[in-house]
Structures are given as structure tokens and as C-alpha cells.
Amino acid sequence: MAKTTIEPISDAMLPEFCQFLHENMPVKRSAQDWETCLRHQWMENPPNFGFVLRSDAGKVVGGIGAYYSDRIIQGNAEKFCNITSWCVLDAYRPQSMKLAMAVIGQAGHHFTDFSPTKVVGNTLKFFKFKELDERQATTLNLPTLFYKHRHVLADPQQIELALTGTALKAYRDHLGFAHLQHVVLGSNGHYCHVVYKLGRFKRFATASVLYIADRDVFARHFRDFATFLLLRGILFTQTEVRMLPLLPWPSVVRAGFNRKVFLSATLQENDIDYLYSEQVAIDL
């Protein structure tokens, strides 16, 4: 077996890794686009941008990207490492496990991977990663006769006034991504920040929900949200079932997607969301 070394991706090394991703990842992005995506970090001093596998000739032959973030979960300060863009050349595939071991060997972090292939997911399960419920609810956006537009805030100034504390910080931290849409649902101090992106489902415009700050508030105001979307030509809403306290009507639940995974000694599935990760930093 060819000799290889594992190196943390430094700031100076990041362009080299991004060129490798540009040349070898199935989704084609320029090296500059990869670099722009991976430079979005939410930790003041991230330890690295991931790890590379380097041949004895000094060439990058594999790598795994990482997003780091400091977050408050249930009142506690937590550190996250989100794995992304795991790519290894075929000739070096048997050494892929070294990359995973390098990442999860960093103590004090919770680890996530939100876009694993089936092979990657199975590999991470070997390291005791747990699967998230992958089922998605596709809901037809039926209008309501009692639509209260004041319960759906989309204007940035109104959103800034409605949100406070960590909710406001999360909103501001994700404003730089053009593919993300933000609304706030609720009234009288009970608000829910919702992040979604636009896509297509059976050729129809669809809102794919990435984040729901308060599931109960979302459920109470879903019909207003659906009407808001429908008025903008968006026929369907897609939401992971695990985000919902109950299924909106009418919905169809679809399954069979590659399961997202996480590794944590203390957090549960309900504590895991997609903010501060590849799901928001990269338009997947």
C-alpha cells in the first residue's frame, strides 16, 4: 500500500484542497467557489478547514472538509464540527478511514455529516454515528381565508425587530448566503425564525425548509406561511418530518433518502439542526 500522510488543512493549504475538489468531486464547482464556501466558519479560531491525505510524492490524493461553529444548545455552549466534501482518489480509497479518524479524533466537538453518500454514511456508522430520520413531508400549499400577513415577516427590518438574543445572531450569521430565504412567523413576542431555499418538485416551485426555530409556533402559523408562499407562486413546502410536531394537511411523506448522521455523547436528534453547516453554506 502506498504511503500517505494526514495533514490538517491550514489557511495556506485551503486553495490546494479546493483545486482537488474542483478536479475530482462529481458536483462541478470552481476551485474559487469551493474556497468561498469553506471559508464560512463560525468559530473564532477554527483548528483547521478539515484534513487532506497526501501521497509520498506530496500530492493531495484525498481530503475531507470541515465547518466549525460555537453554538448555544439548550442554554449550554457547544462546539460543532460539520464534515463535508469527503473525496479520496480510487487508488487511495482503502486509506479513507484515516481521514475520518483524524476529524473525530478532535476532542470536545459534536460531529455531523448532512450529505453523506451511502458508503460514507455506513463508514461513519462504524464510528458510532447515529442516523437522523430522513423522511420528508411534501405539503401542498393551500391558502387560508384567514391569512394574517402580519404573522409572516419577510422584511429584514421587521425580522431584526422581532428576533432577539441567539435567534437574532443566527439570522445575522446566515444573511450572506444568496440561496437562503428567511421569514419569521408569529406574533406578540412568540416568534419562529424559518430558513428555506427554493427548488423544484415535479417541475413545480417548492420551498425546502432547512431550519425551524420553534416547532410549535411553526405549526400554529403554517397555514399563514403556506399562503405566503402560494402568493409568490410556490406550490409545495418540503420539510423533514423530524422538524414537525405534526404533519400539515395535505402532506405526503417520502422516504428512502441518504440518512444524515451525527456523533455526540450528550446531544439528541432534536438538538441537531442545519444552521452553521454545509446545508446552508453550500447550495446543495
Protein backbone atom coordinates (compact mmCIF):
# COMPACT_ATOMS: atom_id res chain seq x y z
CA MET A 1 0.00 0.00 0.00
CA ALA A 2 1.30 3.44 -0.95
CA LYS A 3 2.49 5.58 1.93
CA THR A 4 0.39 8.59 2.81
CA THR A 5 0.28 11.25 5.48
CA ILE A 6 -2.64 13.12 7.04
CA GLU A 7 -2.35 16.89 7.37
CA PRO A 8 -4.79 19.45 8.79
CA ILE A 9 -5.90 21.94 6.16
CA SER A 10 -4.40 25.30 7.05
CA ASP A 11 -5.40 28.64 5.63
CA ALA A 12 -2.49 28.50 3.18
CA MET A 13 -3.34 24.93 2.15
CA LEU A 14 -7.06 25.54 1.54
CA PRO A 15 -6.70 26.64 -2.13
CA GLU A 16 -4.82 23.42 -2.92
CA PHE A 17 -7.56 21.30 -1.36
CA CYS A 18 -10.25 23.27 -3.19
CA GLN A 19 -8.47 22.69 -6.50
CA PHE A 20 -8.53 18.96 -5.69
CA LEU A 21 -12.29 19.14 -5.04
CA HIS A 22 -12.82 21.03 -8.29
CA GLU A 23 -10.99 18.32 -10.24
CA ASN A 24 -12.49 15.27 -8.51
CA MET A 25 -15.90 15.95 -6.97
CA PRO A 26 -18.92 14.86 -9.06
CA VAL A 27 -20.61 18.23 -8.48
CA LYS A 28 -18.64 20.71 -10.52
CA ARG A 29 -17.72 23.96 -8.83
CA SER A 30 -14.72 26.13 -9.47
CA ALA A 31 -11.87 25.97 -7.01
CA GLN A 32 -12.67 29.55 -6.02
CA ASP A 33 -16.30 28.63 -5.31
CA TRP A 34 -15.20 25.75 -3.11
CA GLU A 35 -12.85 28.04 -1.24
CA THR A 36 -15.54 30.67 -0.74
CA CYS A 37 -17.86 28.01 0.67
CA LEU A 38 -15.30 26.51 3.04
CA ARG A 39 -14.11 29.84 4.39
CA HIS A 40 -17.50 30.34 6.06
CA GLN A 41 -16.56 29.32 9.59
CA TRP A 42 -18.47 30.20 12.76
CA MET A 43 -15.75 29.65 15.34
CA GLU A 44 -13.38 32.45 16.22
CA ASN A 45 -10.27 30.29 15.84
CA PRO A 46 -11.20 27.11 13.96
CA PRO A 47 -8.48 24.46 14.29
CA ASN A 48 -8.43 23.74 10.55
CA PHE A 49 -10.61 23.52 7.44
CA GLY A 50 -10.54 19.72 7.54
CA PHE A 51 -7.80 17.25 6.64
CA VAL A 52 -6.01 16.11 3.50
CA LEU A 53 -4.48 12.78 2.56
CA ARG A 54 -1.13 13.38 0.88
CA SER A 55 0.90 10.85 -1.12
CA ASP A 56 4.59 10.24 -0.52
CA ALA A 57 5.16 12.41 -3.61
CA GLY A 58 3.48 15.32 -1.84
CA LYS A 59 0.30 15.30 -3.93
CA VAL A 60 -3.15 15.69 -2.39
CA VAL A 61 -4.94 12.40 -3.08
CA GLY A 62 -7.88 12.81 -0.73
CA GLY A 63 -9.46 15.10 1.77
CA ILE A 64 -12.38 15.97 3.96
CA GLY A 65 -13.67 19.48 4.62
CA ALA A 66 -14.99 20.76 7.93
CA TYR A 67 -17.15 23.60 9.20
CA TYR A 68 -16.67 24.61 12.83
CA SER A 69 -19.11 26.54 14.98
CA ASP A 70 -19.66 27.67 18.55
CA ARG A 71 -23.34 27.38 19.46
CA ILE A 72 -25.70 27.59 22.39
CA ILE A 73 -27.87 24.46 22.63
CA GLN A 74 -30.41 24.28 25.46
CA GLY A 75 -28.52 27.01 27.27
CA ASN A 76 -25.14 25.29 27.02
CA ALA A 77 -22.10 26.31 24.97
CA GLU A 78 -21.33 23.57 22.44
CA LYS A 79 -18.70 23.10 19.74
CA PHE A 80 -19.65 21.52 16.42
CA CYS A 81 -17.65 20.10 13.53
CA ASN A 82 -19.67 19.52 10.36
CA ILE A 83 -17.99 17.14 7.90
CA THR A 84 -18.31 17.91 4.20
CA SER A 85 -16.87 17.09 0.78
CA TRP A 86 -15.16 13.80 1.62
CA CYS A 87 -13.27 12.79 -1.51
CA VAL A 88 -10.46 10.24 -1.99
CA LEU A 89 -8.93 9.02 -5.25
CA ASP A 90 -9.73 5.39 -6.06
CA ALA A 91 -6.17 4.16 -5.64
CA TYR A 92 -6.11 5.51 -2.08
CA ARG A 93 -9.67 4.61 -1.07
CA PRO A 94 -8.52 1.93 1.44
CA GLN A 95 -6.96 4.76 3.47
CA SER A 96 -10.13 6.85 3.66
CA MET A 97 -10.71 5.81 7.26
CA LYS A 98 -7.62 7.78 8.27
CA LEU A 99 -9.41 10.99 7.35
CA ALA A 100 -12.46 10.16 9.44
CA MET A 101 -10.27 9.21 12.39
CA ALA A 102 -8.37 12.49 12.12
CA VAL A 103 -11.59 14.51 12.22
CA ILE A 104 -13.38 12.71 15.04
CA GLY A 105 -10.14 12.48 17.00
CA GLN A 106 -10.60 16.16 17.83
CA ALA A 107 -11.94 16.09 21.37
CA GLY A 108 -14.66 18.39 22.63
CA HIS A 109 -16.78 18.56 19.47
CA HIS A 110 -20.11 17.20 18.29
CA PHE A 111 -19.78 15.87 14.73
CA THR A 112 -22.29 15.91 11.88
CA ASP A 113 -22.45 14.94 8.21
CA PHE A 114 -25.54 16.15 6.39
CA SER A 115 -24.77 14.99 2.85
CA PRO A 116 -23.17 11.56 3.14
CA THR A 117 -23.28 9.08 0.31
CA LYS A 118 -24.48 5.63 1.31
CA VAL A 119 -20.88 4.43 1.52
CA VAL A 120 -19.79 7.39 3.64
CA GLY A 121 -22.82 7.01 5.90
CA ASN A 122 -22.03 3.35 6.51
CA THR A 123 -18.40 4.21 7.21
CA LEU A 124 -19.38 6.83 9.79
CA LYS A 125 -21.82 4.41 11.42
CA PHE A 126 -18.76 2.22 12.06
CA PHE A 127 -17.53 5.12 14.23
CA LYS A 128 -20.84 5.12 16.15
CA PHE A 129 -22.50 7.97 14.24
CA LYS A 130 -26.28 7.89 14.65
CA GLU A 131 -28.75 8.32 11.80
CA LEU A 132 -31.32 11.12 11.63
CA ASP A 133 -34.86 10.44 10.44
CA GLU A 134 -34.65 11.12 6.69
CA ARG A 135 -38.37 11.17 5.92
CA GLN A 136 -39.69 14.29 4.19
CA ALA A 137 -43.19 15.70 4.19
CA THR A 138 -44.23 17.32 0.92
CA THR A 139 -47.18 19.62 1.62
CA LEU A 140 -49.48 21.30 -0.87
CA ASN A 141 -49.62 25.00 -0.01
CA LEU A 142 -53.36 25.52 0.30
CA PRO A 143 -54.48 29.08 1.03
CA THR A 144 -56.41 30.15 4.10
CA LEU A 145 -59.29 32.62 4.04
CA PHE A 146 -57.99 33.99 7.32
CA TYR A 147 -54.48 34.82 6.13
CA LYS A 148 -52.74 37.19 8.54
CA HIS A 149 -49.84 38.68 6.62
CA ARG A 150 -48.63 40.40 9.78
CA HIS A 151 -47.83 36.94 11.16
CA VAL A 152 -45.30 36.32 8.37
CA LEU A 153 -42.38 38.74 8.46
CA ALA A 154 -40.09 38.77 5.45
CA ASP A 155 -38.83 42.35 5.57
CA PRO A 156 -35.30 42.39 7.05
CA GLN A 157 -36.05 45.38 9.28
CA GLN A 158 -39.14 43.68 10.71
CA ILE A 159 -37.18 40.48 11.28
CA GLU A 160 -34.47 42.40 13.12
CA LEU A 161 -37.10 43.92 15.42
CA ALA A 162 -38.82 40.59 16.11
CA LEU A 163 -35.77 38.46 16.94
CA THR A 164 -33.51 38.78 19.96
CA GLY A 165 -30.51 37.06 21.52
CA THR A 166 -29.18 33.91 19.89
CA ALA A 167 -32.11 33.87 17.44
CA LEU A 168 -31.10 37.28 16.09
CA LYS A 169 -27.46 36.21 15.94
CA ALA A 170 -28.39 33.08 13.96
CA TYR A 171 -30.34 35.21 11.48
CA ARG A 172 -27.47 37.65 11.00
CA ASP A 173 -24.92 34.84 10.71
CA HIS A 174 -26.77 33.41 7.70
CA LEU A 175 -27.58 36.57 5.76
CA GLY A 176 -24.59 36.21 3.44
CA PHE A 177 -25.95 33.23 1.52
CA ALA A 178 -27.94 34.30 -1.54
CA HIS A 179 -29.69 30.92 -1.91
CA LEU A 180 -31.28 31.14 1.55
CA GLN A 181 -34.67 32.71 2.26
CA HIS A 182 -35.67 33.95 5.72
CA VAL A 183 -39.06 34.58 7.30
CA VAL A 184 -40.25 34.95 10.86
CA LEU A 185 -43.62 33.53 11.86
CA GLY A 186 -45.65 34.53 14.91
CA SER A 187 -46.90 37.48 16.90
CA ASN A 188 -46.86 39.13 20.33
CA GLY A 189 -43.32 38.11 21.19
CA HIS A 190 -43.72 34.46 20.20
CA TYR A 191 -41.69 34.14 17.02
CA CYS A 192 -40.14 31.41 14.91
CA HIS A 193 -37.26 32.00 12.50
CA VAL A 194 -37.62 29.84 9.38
CA VAL A 195 -34.88 29.29 6.78
CA TYR A 196 -35.72 27.76 3.43
CA LYS A 197 -34.46 27.64 -0.12
CA LEU A 198 -36.27 27.47 -3.41
CA GLY A 199 -36.28 24.41 -5.62
CA ARG A 200 -38.47 22.26 -7.84
CA PHE A 201 -40.68 19.24 -7.11
CA LYS A 202 -42.27 17.59 -10.12
CA ARG A 203 -41.49 20.78 -12.07
CA PHE A 204 -43.34 22.98 -9.56
CA ALA A 205 -41.77 25.68 -7.41
CA THR A 206 -41.06 24.36 -3.93
CA ALA A 207 -39.81 25.74 -0.61
CA SER A 208 -37.40 23.31 1.07
CA VAL A 209 -37.28 24.11 4.77
CA LEU A 210 -33.81 23.91 6.32
CA TYR A 211 -34.44 25.32 9.79
CA ILE A 212 -37.36 25.88 12.15
CA ALA A 213 -36.53 27.68 15.39
CA ASP A 214 -39.77 26.82 17.23
CA ARG A 215 -41.77 23.84 16.01
CA ASP A 216 -44.94 24.69 17.91
CA VAL A 217 -45.05 28.28 16.61
CA PHE A 218 -44.36 26.95 13.11
CA ALA A 219 -47.28 24.53 13.39
CA ARG A 220 -49.66 27.25 14.62
CA HIS A 221 -48.77 29.56 11.75
CA PHE A 222 -48.10 27.04 9.00
CA ARG A 223 -51.23 27.93 7.05
CA ASP A 224 -50.17 31.60 7.01
CA PHE A 225 -46.72 30.50 5.84
CA ALA A 226 -48.25 28.29 3.13
CA THR A 227 -50.43 31.15 1.92
CA PHE A 228 -47.43 33.50 1.92
CA LEU A 229 -45.57 31.03 -0.30
CA LEU A 230 -48.53 30.38 -2.58
CA LEU A 231 -48.95 34.10 -3.21
CA ARG A 232 -45.38 34.01 -4.51
CA GLY A 233 -46.04 31.11 -6.86
CA ILE A 234 -44.58 28.40 -4.62
CA LEU A 235 -46.90 25.38 -4.72
CA PHE A 236 -45.23 22.96 -2.29
CA THR A 237 -43.36 23.00 1.01
CA GLN A 238 -40.89 20.23 1.82
CA THR A 239 -39.99 19.69 5.47
CA GLU A 240 -38.21 16.86 7.24
CA VAL A 241 -40.70 15.00 9.41
CA ARG A 242 -38.41 15.20 12.41
CA MET A 243 -38.76 19.00 12.39
CA LEU A 244 -42.56 18.89 12.69
CA PRO A 245 -44.71 18.38 15.80
CA LEU A 246 -47.48 17.22 13.46
CA LEU A 247 -47.94 16.80 9.72
CA PRO A 248 -49.63 19.71 7.93
CA TRP A 249 -52.57 18.77 5.75
CA PRO A 250 -52.42 17.71 2.96
CA SER A 251 -48.99 16.08 3.06
CA VAL A 252 -47.30 13.08 1.50
CA VAL A 253 -44.40 11.52 3.39
CA ARG A 254 -41.50 10.29 1.27
CA ALA A 255 -38.61 8.11 2.46
CA GLY A 256 -35.53 6.38 1.09
CA PHE A 257 -33.12 9.33 1.16
CA ASN A 258 -29.50 9.02 2.28
CA ARG A 259 -29.58 9.46 6.03
CA LYS A 260 -27.80 12.36 7.65
CA VAL A 261 -25.70 11.37 10.67
CA PHE A 262 -24.28 12.81 13.88
CA LEU A 263 -21.94 11.79 16.68
CA SER A 264 -22.42 13.18 20.18
CA ALA A 265 -22.16 11.85 23.71
CA THR A 266 -24.73 14.31 25.06
CA LEU A 267 -26.98 15.69 22.30
CA GLN A 268 -30.05 14.00 20.88
CA GLU A 269 -31.65 14.10 17.43
CA ASN A 270 -33.91 17.02 18.38
CA ASP A 271 -30.82 19.09 19.22
CA ILE A 272 -29.40 18.75 15.71
CA ASP A 273 -30.29 21.31 13.04
CA TYR A 274 -28.70 22.52 9.81
CA LEU A 275 -27.58 26.02 10.75
CA TYR A 276 -23.83 26.67 10.67
CA SER A 277 -23.21 23.75 8.32
CA GLU A 278 -22.72 22.70 4.71
CA GLN A 279 -26.51 22.68 4.33
CA VAL A 280 -26.56 26.47 4.47
CA ALA A 281 -23.04 27.33 3.29
CA ILE A 282 -23.27 25.28 0.09
CA ASP A 283 -26.23 25.34 -2.28
CA LEU A 284 -26.54 21.55 -2.39
